[in-house]
Protein backbone atom coordinates (compact mmCIF):
# COMPACT_ATOMS: atom_id res chain seq x y z
CA MET A 1 143.63 -203.56 20.82
CA SER A 2 140.92 -201.56 19.02
CA GLU A 3 139.46 -198.31 20.38
CA GLN A 4 136.10 -200.06 20.74
CA SER A 5 137.52 -202.88 22.85
CA VAL A 6 139.42 -200.41 25.02
CA SER A 7 136.28 -198.35 25.66
CA ASN A 8 134.44 -201.51 26.74
CA LEU A 9 137.04 -202.44 29.33
CA PRO A 10 135.85 -202.23 32.95
CA MET A 11 137.41 -199.39 34.93
CA VAL A 12 138.48 -201.88 37.62
CA ARG A 13 138.65 -205.66 37.45
CA PHE A 14 139.56 -208.03 40.28
CA GLU A 15 140.61 -211.47 39.03
CA HIS A 16 140.84 -214.35 41.53
CA LEU A 17 142.18 -211.89 44.05
CA GLY A 18 143.54 -213.10 47.36
CA LYS A 19 145.33 -211.40 50.24
CA THR A 20 146.88 -213.14 53.23
CA PHE A 21 148.30 -211.44 56.31
CA TYR A 22 150.31 -213.02 59.11
CA THR A 23 149.76 -211.47 62.52
CA LYS A 24 151.64 -212.84 65.54
CA GLY A 25 152.13 -216.10 63.71
CA ARG A 26 148.43 -216.37 62.83
CA ARG A 27 147.31 -216.52 59.20
CA VAL A 28 144.49 -214.19 58.18
CA ASP A 29 142.91 -214.62 54.74
CA ALA A 30 141.63 -211.07 54.28
CA LEU A 31 140.53 -211.72 50.68
CA GLN A 32 139.65 -215.03 49.08
CA ASP A 33 139.18 -215.52 45.32
CA VAL A 34 137.46 -212.18 44.69
CA ASN A 35 136.19 -211.67 41.14
CA LEU A 36 134.45 -208.36 40.40
CA GLU A 37 134.12 -205.81 37.62
CA ILE A 38 133.49 -202.09 38.13
CA LYS A 39 132.24 -200.46 34.95
CA LYS A 40 133.34 -197.04 33.79
CA GLY A 41 131.05 -194.32 35.08
CA GLU A 42 129.16 -196.39 37.64
CA ILE A 43 128.87 -196.01 41.40
CA PHE A 44 129.88 -199.34 42.88
CA GLY A 45 129.25 -200.18 46.53
CA ILE A 46 130.99 -202.75 48.71
CA ILE A 47 129.18 -203.56 51.93
CA GLY A 48 130.11 -205.79 54.83
CA PHE A 49 130.65 -205.78 58.57
CA SER A 50 134.01 -204.99 60.17
CA GLY A 51 136.66 -207.51 59.10
CA ALA A 52 134.85 -208.50 55.91
CA GLY A 53 137.81 -207.40 53.74
CA LYS A 54 136.12 -204.51 51.99
CA SER A 55 138.72 -201.82 52.83
CA THR A 56 141.57 -204.18 51.96
CA LEU A 57 139.95 -204.77 48.58
CA MET A 58 139.56 -201.06 47.92
CA ARG A 59 143.20 -200.36 48.81
CA MET A 60 144.24 -202.80 46.09
CA VAL A 61 143.02 -200.36 43.45
CA ASN A 62 145.73 -197.75 44.13
CA ALA A 63 148.33 -200.30 45.25
CA LEU A 64 148.26 -199.34 48.92
CA GLU A 65 147.92 -203.10 49.36
CA THR A 66 149.35 -205.73 47.02
CA PRO A 67 147.69 -209.09 46.26
CA THR A 68 149.02 -212.37 47.54
CA GLU A 69 147.44 -213.94 44.48
CA GLY A 70 145.38 -212.86 41.49
CA LYS A 71 145.31 -209.54 39.63
CA VAL A 72 143.95 -206.02 39.88
CA LEU A 73 143.41 -204.34 36.52
CA VAL A 74 142.71 -200.60 36.35
CA ASP A 75 141.60 -199.43 32.92
CA GLY A 76 143.10 -202.64 31.52
CA VAL A 77 146.50 -202.24 33.20
CA ASP A 78 147.81 -204.73 35.76
CA VAL A 79 148.53 -202.59 38.82
CA ALA A 80 151.23 -205.01 40.06
CA SER A 81 153.27 -204.36 36.89
CA LEU A 82 153.64 -200.63 37.65
CA GLN A 83 156.54 -198.99 39.42
CA GLY A 84 157.97 -195.52 39.92
CA LYS A 85 156.63 -192.94 37.49
CA ASP A 86 153.97 -195.28 36.08
CA LEU A 87 152.61 -196.06 39.54
CA ARG A 88 152.56 -192.36 40.45
CA SER A 89 150.67 -191.67 37.23
CA LEU A 90 148.07 -194.31 38.15
CA ARG A 91 147.62 -192.82 41.62
CA LYS A 92 147.12 -189.38 40.08
CA ASP A 93 144.04 -190.83 38.36
CA ILE A 94 142.65 -192.18 41.64
CA GLY A 95 141.27 -189.87 44.35
CA MET A 96 140.46 -191.02 47.86
CA ILE A 97 138.26 -189.72 50.68
CA PHE A 98 138.22 -191.02 54.24
CA GLN A 99 135.92 -191.43 57.21
CA GLN A 100 137.93 -189.04 59.43
CA PHE A 101 138.59 -186.46 56.68
CA ASN A 102 142.44 -186.48 57.10
CA LEU A 103 142.80 -182.70 56.78
CA LEU A 104 145.87 -180.77 57.94
CA GLU A 105 144.65 -178.68 60.87
CA SER A 106 147.39 -176.06 60.38
CA LYS A 107 146.39 -175.41 56.76
CA THR A 108 143.43 -173.43 55.41
CA VAL A 109 140.70 -174.99 53.34
CA PHE A 110 142.34 -173.59 50.20
CA ASP A 111 145.74 -175.03 51.13
CA ASN A 112 144.31 -178.44 52.00
CA VAL A 113 142.68 -178.73 48.58
CA ALA A 114 145.87 -177.50 46.90
CA ILE A 115 148.14 -180.17 48.43
CA PRO A 116 147.91 -182.75 45.58
CA LEU A 117 148.55 -180.01 43.01
CA ILE A 118 151.58 -178.72 44.89
CA ILE A 119 152.96 -182.27 45.11
CA ASN A 120 152.51 -182.54 41.33
CA HIS A 121 154.50 -179.29 40.89
CA GLU A 122 151.67 -177.44 39.17
CA LYS A 123 152.06 -173.71 38.50
CA PRO A 124 150.64 -171.29 41.09
CA ASP A 125 148.15 -169.73 38.67
CA PHE A 126 146.79 -173.15 37.74
CA ILE A 127 146.57 -174.18 41.41
CA LYS A 128 144.61 -171.04 42.30
CA LYS A 129 142.19 -171.50 39.42
CA ARG A 130 141.69 -175.23 40.02
CA VAL A 131 141.18 -174.91 43.79
CA ASN A 132 138.67 -172.10 43.41
CA GLU A 133 136.73 -174.15 40.83
CA LEU A 134 136.59 -177.11 43.18
CA LEU A 135 135.55 -175.05 46.19
CA GLU A 136 132.70 -173.62 44.16
CA PHE A 137 131.72 -177.11 43.04
CA VAL A 138 131.49 -178.41 46.62
CA GLY A 139 129.82 -175.24 47.91
CA LEU A 140 132.68 -173.85 50.02
CA SER A 141 133.85 -170.78 48.10
CA ASP A 142 133.22 -168.62 51.15
CA ARG A 143 135.30 -170.88 53.43
CA ALA A 144 138.59 -170.84 51.49
CA GLU A 145 140.52 -169.11 54.28
CA ALA A 146 138.93 -171.04 57.15
CA TYR A 147 140.76 -173.75 59.09
CA PRO A 148 139.42 -177.29 59.65
CA ALA A 149 138.65 -176.55 63.33
CA GLN A 150 136.17 -173.89 62.14
CA LEU A 151 134.23 -176.33 59.95
CA SER A 152 131.38 -178.75 60.56
CA GLY A 153 131.83 -182.45 59.80
CA GLY A 154 129.97 -182.11 56.52
CA GLN A 155 132.11 -179.15 55.48
CA LYS A 156 135.28 -181.07 56.31
CA GLN A 157 134.15 -183.94 54.10
CA ARG A 158 133.42 -181.49 51.29
CA VAL A 159 137.00 -180.27 51.60
CA GLY A 160 138.12 -183.90 51.45
CA ILE A 161 136.11 -184.44 48.28
CA ALA A 162 137.50 -181.28 46.68
CA ARG A 163 141.05 -182.37 47.53
CA ALA A 164 140.43 -185.85 46.10
CA LEU A 165 139.20 -184.27 42.85
CA ALA A 166 142.14 -181.85 42.53
CA THR A 167 144.05 -183.96 39.99
CA ALA A 168 140.90 -184.70 37.94
CA PRO A 169 140.90 -188.44 38.74
CA LYS A 170 139.02 -191.10 36.81
CA ILE A 171 138.23 -193.05 39.98
CA LEU A 172 137.16 -191.90 43.43
CA LEU A 173 137.65 -194.30 46.34
CA CYS A 174 135.43 -193.65 49.37
CA ASP A 175 136.33 -195.50 52.58
CA GLU A 176 133.38 -195.22 55.02
CA ALA A 177 133.15 -191.60 53.86
CA THR A 178 129.85 -190.88 55.62
CA SER A 179 130.17 -192.99 58.78
CA ALA A 180 131.17 -190.01 60.93
CA LEU A 181 128.26 -187.85 59.74
CA ASP A 182 124.68 -187.40 60.91
CA PRO A 183 121.86 -188.60 58.60
CA ASP A 184 121.02 -185.19 57.09
CA THR A 185 124.66 -184.40 56.37
CA THR A 186 125.13 -187.89 54.95
CA ASP A 187 122.32 -187.24 52.46
CA GLN A 188 123.97 -183.97 51.40
CA ILE A 189 127.32 -185.70 50.83
CA LEU A 190 125.65 -188.48 48.85
CA LYS A 191 123.98 -185.90 46.60
CA LEU A 192 127.36 -184.25 46.07
CA LEU A 193 128.93 -187.59 45.14
CA LYS A 194 126.15 -188.20 42.64
CA ARG A 195 127.04 -184.85 41.05
CA VAL A 196 130.70 -185.88 40.95
CA ASN A 197 129.67 -189.04 39.13
CA SER A 198 127.19 -187.49 36.68
CA GLU A 199 128.84 -184.13 35.95
CA LEU A 200 132.52 -185.01 36.18
CA HIS A 201 132.11 -188.60 34.89
CA VAL A 202 134.10 -190.08 37.76
CA THR A 203 133.74 -193.78 38.58
CA ILE A 204 133.09 -194.19 42.32
CA LEU A 205 133.93 -197.14 44.55
CA PHE A 206 132.18 -196.73 47.92
CA VAL A 207 132.99 -198.99 50.87
CA THR A 208 130.61 -198.97 53.84
CA HIS A 209 128.80 -201.04 56.46
CA MET A 210 125.66 -198.88 56.07
CA ILE A 211 123.05 -200.31 53.72
CA ASN A 212 121.05 -197.08 53.53
CA VAL A 213 124.06 -195.41 51.89
CA ILE A 214 124.25 -198.18 49.28
CA THR A 215 120.53 -197.99 48.47
CA LYS A 216 120.64 -194.20 48.03
CA LEU A 217 123.89 -193.91 46.09
CA CYS A 218 125.01 -197.01 44.26
CA ASP A 219 124.19 -198.72 40.97
CA THR A 220 125.88 -202.04 41.76
CA VAL A 221 126.79 -203.72 45.04
CA ALA A 222 129.03 -206.52 46.27
CA VAL A 223 128.30 -208.01 49.69
CA MET A 224 131.39 -209.32 51.49
CA GLU A 225 131.85 -211.66 54.43
CA ASN A 226 135.09 -213.17 55.74
CA GLY A 227 137.06 -212.01 52.71
CA LYS A 228 134.64 -213.45 50.17
CA VAL A 229 132.01 -211.92 47.89
CA VAL A 230 128.76 -213.63 48.84
CA GLU A 231 126.44 -211.64 46.54
CA TYR A 232 127.05 -209.32 43.60
CA GLY A 233 124.76 -207.50 41.18
CA SER A 234 122.54 -204.48 40.77
CA VAL A 235 121.35 -202.89 44.01
CA LEU A 236 117.76 -203.59 43.01
CA ASP A 237 118.33 -207.28 42.28
CA VAL A 238 120.54 -208.03 45.30
CA PHE A 239 118.48 -206.21 47.91
CA SER A 240 115.02 -207.04 46.57
CA SER A 241 115.77 -210.78 46.63
CA PRO A 242 118.66 -211.41 49.04
CA SER A 243 119.94 -214.97 49.14
CA SER A 244 122.79 -215.02 51.69
CA ASP A 245 122.15 -214.75 55.42
CA ILE A 246 124.36 -211.67 55.79
CA THR A 247 122.59 -209.84 52.96
CA LYS A 248 119.24 -210.64 54.55
CA ARG A 249 120.53 -209.13 57.82
CA PHE A 250 121.50 -205.92 56.04
CA VAL A 251 118.26 -205.73 54.08
CA SER A 252 116.04 -206.31 57.12
CA SER A 253 117.38 -203.08 58.65
CA VAL A 254 115.98 -200.94 55.83
CA ILE A 255 113.29 -203.13 54.26
CA PRO A 256 111.10 -204.61 57.02
CA ASP A 257 109.65 -207.97 56.04
CA LYS A 258 108.51 -209.63 59.27
CA ILE A 259 105.11 -209.89 60.91
CA PRO A 260 104.89 -208.06 64.26
CA ASP A 261 104.85 -210.35 67.31
CA SER A 262 101.36 -209.21 68.31
CA VAL A 263 100.01 -210.30 64.93
CA ILE A 264 101.80 -213.64 65.19
CA ALA A 265 100.11 -214.23 68.54
CA THR A 266 96.71 -213.64 66.90
CA LEU A 267 97.53 -215.96 64.00
CA LYS A 268 98.48 -218.78 66.36
CA GLN A 269 94.94 -218.71 67.72
CA ASP A 270 93.43 -219.06 64.23
CA LYS A 271 92.55 -222.73 63.73
CA SER A 272 91.13 -222.42 60.20
CA PRO A 273 93.21 -223.74 57.27
CA TYR A 274 95.44 -221.05 55.80
CA LYS A 275 98.86 -220.36 54.31
CA LEU A 276 101.12 -217.37 54.94
CA ILE A 277 103.10 -216.20 51.93
CA ARG A 278 105.58 -213.37 51.57
CA PHE A 279 106.13 -211.88 48.14
CA ARG A 280 107.84 -208.88 46.63
CA LEU A 281 106.46 -206.64 43.91
CA ARG A 282 108.39 -204.07 41.90
CA ALA A 283 106.73 -200.87 40.68
CA LYS A 284 105.69 -202.24 37.30
CA SER A 285 103.69 -204.97 39.04
CA PHE A 286 101.44 -202.52 40.89
CA SER A 287 99.39 -201.82 37.77
CA GLU A 288 98.32 -205.46 37.76
CA ASN A 289 96.36 -205.09 41.04
CA MET A 290 97.80 -208.38 42.24
CA ILE A 291 95.93 -208.65 45.53
CA TRP A 292 92.63 -207.65 43.91
CA GLN A 293 93.12 -210.40 41.31
CA ILE A 294 93.77 -212.92 44.08
CA ASP A 295 90.68 -211.84 46.03
CA THR A 296 88.30 -211.85 43.07
CA GLY A 297 89.76 -214.64 40.98
CA PHE A 298 89.97 -217.45 43.48
CA ASN A 299 87.73 -219.11 46.03
CA ILE A 300 89.79 -217.92 48.98
CA GLU A 301 89.82 -215.21 51.64
CA SER A 302 92.96 -213.07 51.93
CA ASN A 303 94.20 -210.83 54.68
CA VAL A 304 97.26 -208.54 54.54
CA MET A 305 99.33 -209.26 57.66
CA PHE A 306 102.21 -206.93 56.80
CA ALA A 307 103.28 -204.55 54.03
CA SER A 308 106.19 -202.17 53.44
CA VAL A 309 107.23 -199.93 50.55
CA THR A 310 110.84 -198.96 49.82
CA GLU A 311 112.59 -197.27 46.92
CA LEU A 312 115.70 -198.98 45.52
CA SER A 313 117.63 -197.40 42.65
CA GLY A 314 114.56 -195.43 41.64
CA VAL A 315 112.29 -198.49 41.65
CA VAL A 316 109.58 -198.94 44.28
CA LEU A 317 109.69 -202.32 46.01
CA SER A 318 106.71 -203.56 48.02
CA VAL A 319 107.00 -206.47 50.47
CA ILE A 320 103.67 -208.06 51.36
CA ILE A 321 102.81 -210.89 53.74
CA LEU A 322 99.42 -212.33 52.90
CA GLN A 323 97.28 -214.77 54.83
CA ILE A 324 95.30 -216.95 52.41
CA LYS A 325 92.40 -218.93 53.84
CA GLY A 326 90.65 -221.68 51.95
CA GLU A 327 90.83 -225.28 50.82
CA ALA A 328 94.31 -226.62 50.02
CA ALA A 329 93.54 -226.91 46.30
CA ASP A 330 92.32 -223.31 46.11
CA ILE A 331 95.40 -222.04 47.96
CA GLU A 332 97.57 -224.00 45.54
CA ARG A 333 95.90 -222.21 42.63
CA VAL A 334 96.89 -218.87 44.16
CA THR A 335 100.57 -219.84 44.36
CA GLN A 336 100.41 -221.12 40.79
CA PHE A 337 98.98 -217.74 39.77
CA LEU A 338 101.92 -215.98 41.42
CA ASP A 339 104.34 -218.30 39.64
CA SER A 340 102.65 -217.53 36.30
CA ARG A 341 103.23 -213.81 36.96
CA LYS A 342 106.87 -214.53 37.89
CA VAL A 343 106.33 -213.14 41.38
CA LYS A 344 108.90 -214.43 43.87
CA TRP A 345 107.18 -215.76 46.95
CA GLU A 346 107.89 -217.97 49.94
CA GLU A 347 105.74 -219.68 52.54
CA LEU A 348 106.19 -218.57 56.13
CA LYS A 349 105.79 -220.75 59.18
CA ILE A 350 104.96 -219.40 62.63
């Protein structure tokens, strides 16, 4: 295999992956025909409600779970083919951080971060240098001799991140890593993870049930339900135009797109002919003055019933619900105009 083809390999690839458990005689299909690629250097999010299979999928990467069927390839290597020294070498390249931090309460911050290096039989001088570098990176140099009980939740997670980075991994697995934190602390941890990705060139796989974490952190997202991937793509594409019901449920919690009930009550009293349409505009569309063109270019009357603006992956997304009054033929011309501008729209019924 050429150097070029090796460099183009995904960091992680799931091929027709399945996992079946048997609990008290009952079959549970935790994963069903999962096919995903995680590119080198990206931040990949997996979102789903409890029981969706997302944590099981993540644990396949470092062989904490083994597939019932299909393959897991890490940097082109089939994980199931590794044993002993080779498997330990793989796990050295994969760090992991947890929701509940998993720190040893009887050890100092310094000693907690040093644990992976001690297990790898590194020399004391190297351990001291490496741990101090990592504590500086995560902003805890002054807490090296503190114990976990003396730390805030955010500080504990920073220790967890430093420990996960101790062996200079290529991949960082994050299992609900911010679920136990308040919103401000979550934002700080997400900024730190972005630094890990950009400065240390670590590929990150982040599992969560919180869509706001995905929208702030990730490049790509897979939405899971009942062990299956129901949507997969860039955060912008998936969340700006959700197709599955579960994705729509997640998106509605951070991107409002419904008319308030009081406005609906007013609309129901309007007996004039009109159509309600909901459409989404990305930042580059704003320069086209879409609503102004509709108002001035067609023999109709428009009224904005609802609007919201959200940023996804650095792109501003606007959701607008527009009431268009006029003759049926004139309203049809408006929807044809939107089609010609490749604006995704849908008619709403109340």
